[in-house]
Protein backbone atom coordinates (compact mmCIF):
# COMPACT_ATOMS: atom_id res chain seq x y z
CA UNK A 1 0.03 -0.13 0.02
CA UNK A 2 1.39 3.62 -0.97
CA UNK A 3 1.75 6.11 1.60
CA UNK A 4 -0.22 9.59 0.78
CA UNK A 5 2.05 11.96 -0.47
CA UNK A 6 1.84 15.39 1.32
CA UNK A 7 2.11 18.38 -0.84
CA UNK A 8 4.44 21.23 -0.04
CA UNK A 9 4.00 23.51 2.84
CA UNK A 10 3.70 27.42 2.16
CA UNK A 11 5.19 29.31 4.86
CA UNK A 12 4.47 33.10 4.80
CA UNK A 13 6.87 35.59 6.84
CA UNK A 14 5.81 39.37 7.43
CA UNK A 15 9.09 40.89 8.42
CA UNK A 16 10.02 38.31 10.98
CA UNK A 17 6.55 37.32 11.73
CA UNK A 18 5.17 33.97 10.40
CA UNK A 19 1.45 33.91 9.04
CA UNK A 20 -0.51 30.78 8.42
CA UNK A 21 -1.89 30.44 4.84
CA UNK A 22 -5.12 30.93 6.31
CA UNK A 23 -4.31 34.42 7.36
CA UNK A 24 -4.40 35.59 3.78
CA UNK A 25 -7.51 36.67 2.16
CA UNK A 26 -8.71 33.78 0.02
CA UNK A 27 -10.85 33.36 -3.23
CA UNK A 28 -14.07 34.68 -1.46
CA UNK A 29 -12.41 37.96 -0.52
CA UNK A 30 -12.16 40.77 -3.06
CA UNK A 31 -8.93 41.34 -4.74
CA UNK A 32 -5.68 39.38 -5.67
CA UNK A 33 -2.15 38.98 -4.57
CA UNK A 34 0.70 40.26 -6.56
CA UNK A 35 3.43 37.35 -6.65
CA UNK A 36 6.91 38.42 -7.34
CA UNK A 37 9.82 36.14 -8.05
CA UNK A 38 13.18 36.36 -9.38
CA UNK A 39 13.90 36.41 -13.13
CA UNK A 40 16.87 37.86 -14.84
CA UNK A 41 19.33 36.70 -12.10
CA UNK A 42 17.71 33.40 -11.39
CA UNK A 43 20.57 31.08 -11.43
CA UNK A 44 19.28 28.27 -13.66
CA UNK A 45 17.98 30.52 -16.51
CA UNK A 46 14.86 32.38 -17.46
CA UNK A 47 12.89 29.37 -18.44
CA UNK A 48 13.49 27.61 -15.03
CA UNK A 49 12.51 31.24 -13.31
CA UNK A 50 9.45 31.01 -15.32
CA UNK A 51 8.50 27.39 -14.43
CA UNK A 52 9.30 28.05 -10.69
CA UNK A 53 6.99 30.96 -10.62
CA UNK A 54 4.19 29.04 -12.13
CA UNK A 55 4.57 26.18 -9.72
CA UNK A 56 4.30 28.51 -6.84
CA UNK A 57 1.30 30.62 -8.38
CA UNK A 58 -0.21 27.23 -8.78
CA UNK A 59 0.16 26.28 -5.27
CA UNK A 60 -1.23 29.49 -4.03
CA UNK A 61 -4.12 29.37 -6.33
CA UNK A 62 -4.84 25.75 -5.33
CA UNK A 63 -5.01 27.07 -1.87
CA UNK A 64 -7.95 29.45 -2.64
CA UNK A 65 -5.73 32.40 -3.38
CA UNK A 66 -6.17 34.84 -6.42
CA UNK A 67 -2.82 35.28 -7.78
CA UNK A 68 -1.31 37.63 -10.56
CA UNK A 69 2.31 36.76 -11.20
CA UNK A 70 4.03 39.11 -13.59
CA UNK A 71 6.83 36.38 -14.61
CA UNK A 72 4.04 33.78 -15.27
CA UNK A 73 2.10 36.17 -17.23
CA UNK A 74 4.84 37.66 -19.26
CA UNK A 75 7.58 35.42 -19.72
CA UNK A 76 6.32 33.96 -23.08
CA UNK A 77 5.19 37.19 -24.26
CA UNK A 78 8.73 38.58 -23.93
CA UNK A 79 10.03 35.57 -25.54
CA UNK A 80 7.51 35.59 -28.57
CA UNK A 81 7.79 39.48 -28.96
CA UNK A 82 11.69 39.56 -28.57
CA UNK A 83 11.13 41.93 -25.75
CA UNK A 84 14.85 42.40 -24.58
CA UNK A 85 14.73 38.71 -23.12
CA UNK A 86 12.23 40.16 -20.37
CA UNK A 87 15.12 41.99 -18.81
CA UNK A 88 14.21 45.75 -19.59
CA UNK A 89 13.32 46.64 -15.96
CA UNK A 90 11.65 50.07 -16.66
CA UNK A 91 9.62 48.61 -19.59
CA UNK A 92 8.24 45.83 -17.25
CA UNK A 93 7.51 48.13 -14.23
CA UNK A 94 5.47 50.37 -16.20
CA UNK A 95 3.44 47.83 -17.23
CA UNK A 96 3.19 46.04 -13.89
CA UNK A 97 2.47 49.23 -11.68
CA UNK A 98 -1.48 49.04 -12.52
CA UNK A 99 -1.46 45.39 -11.22
CA UNK A 100 0.54 46.51 -8.09
CA UNK A 101 -2.01 49.34 -7.66
CA UNK A 102 -4.98 46.96 -7.94
CA UNK A 103 -3.48 44.08 -5.69
CA UNK A 104 -4.38 43.39 -2.20
CA UNK A 105 -0.62 43.06 -1.28
CA UNK A 106 2.62 41.63 -2.35
CA UNK A 107 3.98 37.96 -1.98
CA UNK A 108 7.48 37.43 -2.63
CA UNK A 109 8.80 33.95 -3.74
CA UNK A 110 11.95 33.12 -1.91
CA UNK A 111 13.46 31.41 -4.82
CA UNK A 112 17.34 31.59 -5.59
CA UNK A 113 18.34 35.16 -6.23
CA UNK A 114 15.23 36.72 -4.95
CA UNK A 115 17.31 38.90 -2.37
CA UNK A 116 19.36 40.31 -5.09
CA UNK A 117 16.74 41.13 -7.57
CA UNK A 118 16.58 44.53 -8.83
CA UNK A 119 13.02 44.07 -9.97
CA UNK A 120 11.78 42.65 -6.67
CA UNK A 121 13.52 45.55 -4.86
CA UNK A 122 11.56 48.05 -7.04
CA UNK A 123 8.16 46.11 -6.49
CA UNK A 124 8.88 46.19 -2.93
CA UNK A 125 9.41 50.05 -2.96
CA UNK A 126 6.25 50.57 -4.84
CA UNK A 127 4.23 48.34 -2.43
CA UNK A 128 5.80 50.07 0.53
CA UNK A 129 4.92 53.54 -1.09
CA UNK A 130 1.37 52.32 -1.35
CA UNK A 131 1.53 50.93 2.35
CA UNK A 132 0.23 47.54 1.31
CA UNK A 133 1.22 44.11 3.01
CA UNK A 134 4.40 42.29 1.76
CA UNK A 135 5.10 38.70 2.65
CA UNK A 136 7.84 36.47 2.03
CA UNK A 137 6.71 33.02 0.72
CA UNK A 138 8.85 29.81 0.90
CA UNK A 139 8.10 26.26 -0.08
CA UNK A 140 8.95 24.26 2.80
């Protein structure tokens, strides 16, 4: 008899505090969360950065969260249109600001390179300016 496999556990940190996943508004609440993840400096390449962002977005969605993830949304668009390999920070921030303004708050995927990402730093600055909540999300 096979043992039931347990899925990944999502752990949320808010500047040193741990919040259970149930703390975050779910699908019945109004609004969505903006999921930031490393991209141009992801050590395994852009395709792997996209795949990792999509996997985490799917986990969050399956837990009842509405998620917008710019990497999941824009990676293939950038590739198909030849948009500077998706690395033109100013271009992408201008497109993403309306999503940041509409979001409940920001979730940061603590994938390799997240703490050195210029894009994430800019997104954090925008969310801090708007005084919206920011959480680090790790898959444990």
